Protein backbone atom coordinates (compact mmCIF):
# COMPACT_ATOMS: atom_id res chain seq x y z
CA MET A 1 87.04 -26.14 56.57
CA GLU A 2 90.04 -25.64 54.36
CA GLY A 3 90.10 -22.20 52.79
CA LEU A 4 87.53 -20.64 55.15
CA THR A 5 87.82 -18.80 58.44
CA VAL A 6 85.48 -17.17 60.93
CA VAL A 7 86.00 -13.41 61.20
CA SER A 8 84.59 -10.58 63.29
CA THR A 9 82.50 -8.33 61.07
CA GLY A 10 81.76 -5.55 63.53
CA ASP A 11 78.04 -4.78 63.61
CA LYS A 12 77.09 -8.16 62.08
CA GLY A 13 79.04 -10.21 64.64
CA ARG A 14 80.80 -13.26 63.26
CA GLY A 15 80.96 -14.08 59.57
CA VAL A 16 82.88 -16.27 57.15
CA ALA A 17 85.77 -15.16 54.95
CA CYS A 18 88.04 -17.05 52.58
CA VAL A 19 91.79 -17.48 53.06
CA LEU A 20 92.18 -18.70 49.47
CA PRO A 21 90.63 -17.11 46.36
CA ILE A 22 87.34 -18.70 45.27
CA PRO A 23 86.51 -18.64 41.54
CA SER A 24 82.99 -17.80 40.40
CA GLY A 25 80.77 -20.89 40.20
CA SER A 26 82.87 -22.89 42.65
CA THR A 27 81.38 -24.81 45.53
CA ILE A 28 82.45 -23.11 48.74
CA GLU A 29 81.12 -25.66 51.18
CA VAL A 30 78.58 -28.48 51.44
CA CYS A 31 77.08 -28.54 54.93
CA PRO A 32 75.15 -31.37 56.52
CA VAL A 33 72.09 -30.13 58.37
CA ILE A 34 70.12 -30.95 61.48
CA LEU A 35 66.47 -31.01 60.45
CA LEU A 36 63.89 -29.45 62.75
CA ASN A 37 60.27 -30.55 62.63
CA THR A 38 57.31 -28.16 62.50
CA GLU A 39 57.07 -27.87 66.27
CA ASP A 40 60.80 -27.18 66.69
CA THR A 41 60.66 -24.62 63.85
CA ALA A 42 57.85 -22.76 65.63
CA SER A 43 59.83 -22.86 68.90
CA ILE A 44 63.14 -21.65 67.44
CA HIS A 45 61.76 -18.11 67.17
CA ARG A 46 61.92 -17.85 70.97
CA THR A 47 65.61 -18.75 71.08
CA HIS A 48 68.97 -17.28 70.07
CA LEU A 49 69.08 -19.91 67.30
CA HIS A 50 66.45 -17.88 65.40
CA ASP A 51 69.28 -16.02 63.64
CA TYR A 52 70.99 -19.21 62.43
CA TYR A 53 68.44 -21.49 60.80
CA PHE A 54 67.25 -22.07 57.22
CA LEU A 55 63.69 -22.74 56.16
CA TRP A 56 63.74 -26.26 54.75
CA ASP A 57 60.30 -27.38 53.58
CA TYR A 58 58.06 -24.35 53.06
CA GLU A 59 54.83 -26.36 52.90
CA LYS A 60 55.55 -28.43 56.02
CA LYS A 61 57.09 -25.41 57.79
CA THR A 62 60.23 -27.27 58.78
CA SER A 63 63.72 -25.85 59.11
CA ALA A 64 67.35 -26.86 59.42
CA LEU A 65 70.50 -25.81 61.23
CA ALA A 66 73.54 -26.00 58.96
CA LEU A 67 76.70 -27.51 60.37
CA GLY A 68 80.18 -26.45 59.28
CA TYR A 69 80.19 -22.71 58.62
CA GLY A 70 76.75 -22.80 57.02
CA SER A 71 74.81 -20.97 59.71
CA LEU A 72 77.46 -18.22 60.00
CA TYR A 73 77.26 -16.71 56.50
CA ASN A 74 75.94 -13.16 56.80
CA HIS A 75 73.27 -11.46 54.69
CA SER A 76 73.86 -9.01 51.87
CA SER A 77 71.45 -7.54 49.36
CA SER A 78 74.35 -7.88 46.89
CA PRO A 79 75.76 -11.27 47.89
CA ASN A 80 78.88 -12.87 46.45
CA ALA A 81 77.54 -16.39 47.13
CA ASP A 82 74.29 -18.33 47.05
CA TYR A 83 73.06 -21.67 48.32
CA GLU A 84 70.85 -24.57 47.35
CA LEU A 85 69.01 -26.98 49.60
CA LEU A 86 69.87 -30.59 48.80
CA LEU A 87 66.74 -32.17 50.21
CA ASP A 88 67.60 -35.77 49.35
CA THR A 89 70.98 -35.72 51.09
CA GLN A 90 69.99 -33.25 53.85
CA GLU A 91 72.75 -30.80 52.96
CA ILE A 92 73.12 -27.19 51.90
CA ARG A 93 75.59 -26.35 49.12
CA PHE A 94 77.08 -22.85 49.13
CA PHE A 95 78.63 -21.62 45.87
CA ALA A 96 80.32 -18.46 44.58
CA LEU A 97 78.32 -16.08 42.39
CA GLN A 98 81.49 -14.18 41.48
CA ASP A 99 85.21 -14.38 42.13
CA ILE A 100 85.82 -13.96 45.86
CA GLU A 101 89.20 -12.56 46.87
CA VAL A 102 91.29 -13.56 49.90
CA MET A 103 89.77 -12.31 53.18
CA ASP A 104 86.57 -11.10 51.50
CA GLU A 105 83.54 -11.91 53.62
CA ILE A 106 81.29 -14.51 52.01
CA THR A 107 77.69 -13.33 52.02
CA ILE A 108 74.34 -14.73 50.91
CA ASN A 109 70.91 -13.17 50.49
CA TYR A 110 68.59 -14.36 53.26
CA GLN A 111 65.51 -13.42 51.22
CA THR A 112 65.03 -15.99 48.51
CA VAL A 113 62.67 -15.24 45.63
CA GLN A 114 60.02 -17.53 47.11
CA LEU A 115 60.10 -15.64 50.41
CA GLU A 116 60.09 -11.97 49.40
CA GLU A 117 56.97 -11.45 51.52
CA TYR A 118 58.99 -12.25 54.66
CA PRO A 119 60.88 -9.17 55.85
CA LEU A 120 64.34 -9.34 57.38
CA TRP A 121 64.25 -9.38 61.17
CA PHE A 122 67.12 -6.89 61.44
CA LYS A 123 68.05 -3.53 59.97
CA ASN A 124 69.82 -4.07 56.66
CA ASN A 125 72.69 -1.60 56.27
CA ASP A 126 73.94 -2.52 52.82
């Protein structure tokens, strides 16, 4: 993706940073997804992919793996980006919540408002 790069973030492993400034409100990336059915979503918890998927349809308990850089954005309680699920086109759109400077890591909050009852599966250090 133009303007994005994968970086080593130390304790969080790989993450995504920008090589060009990103203005607040801008789309960072639109990622196609691979949809996983209910059975695959239940199975993913036993694999390394557990750390890389998005819940897709909460009622049907389906999920999705984002292509592009989508599954590599790290968590922050104070993120500089957010995302929206585009159910009709099977994509996830990531967008800037604030101006993001060159080589800043792009972060999202893994705990959406609808899912506050689900705790993070890792120790949050921010």
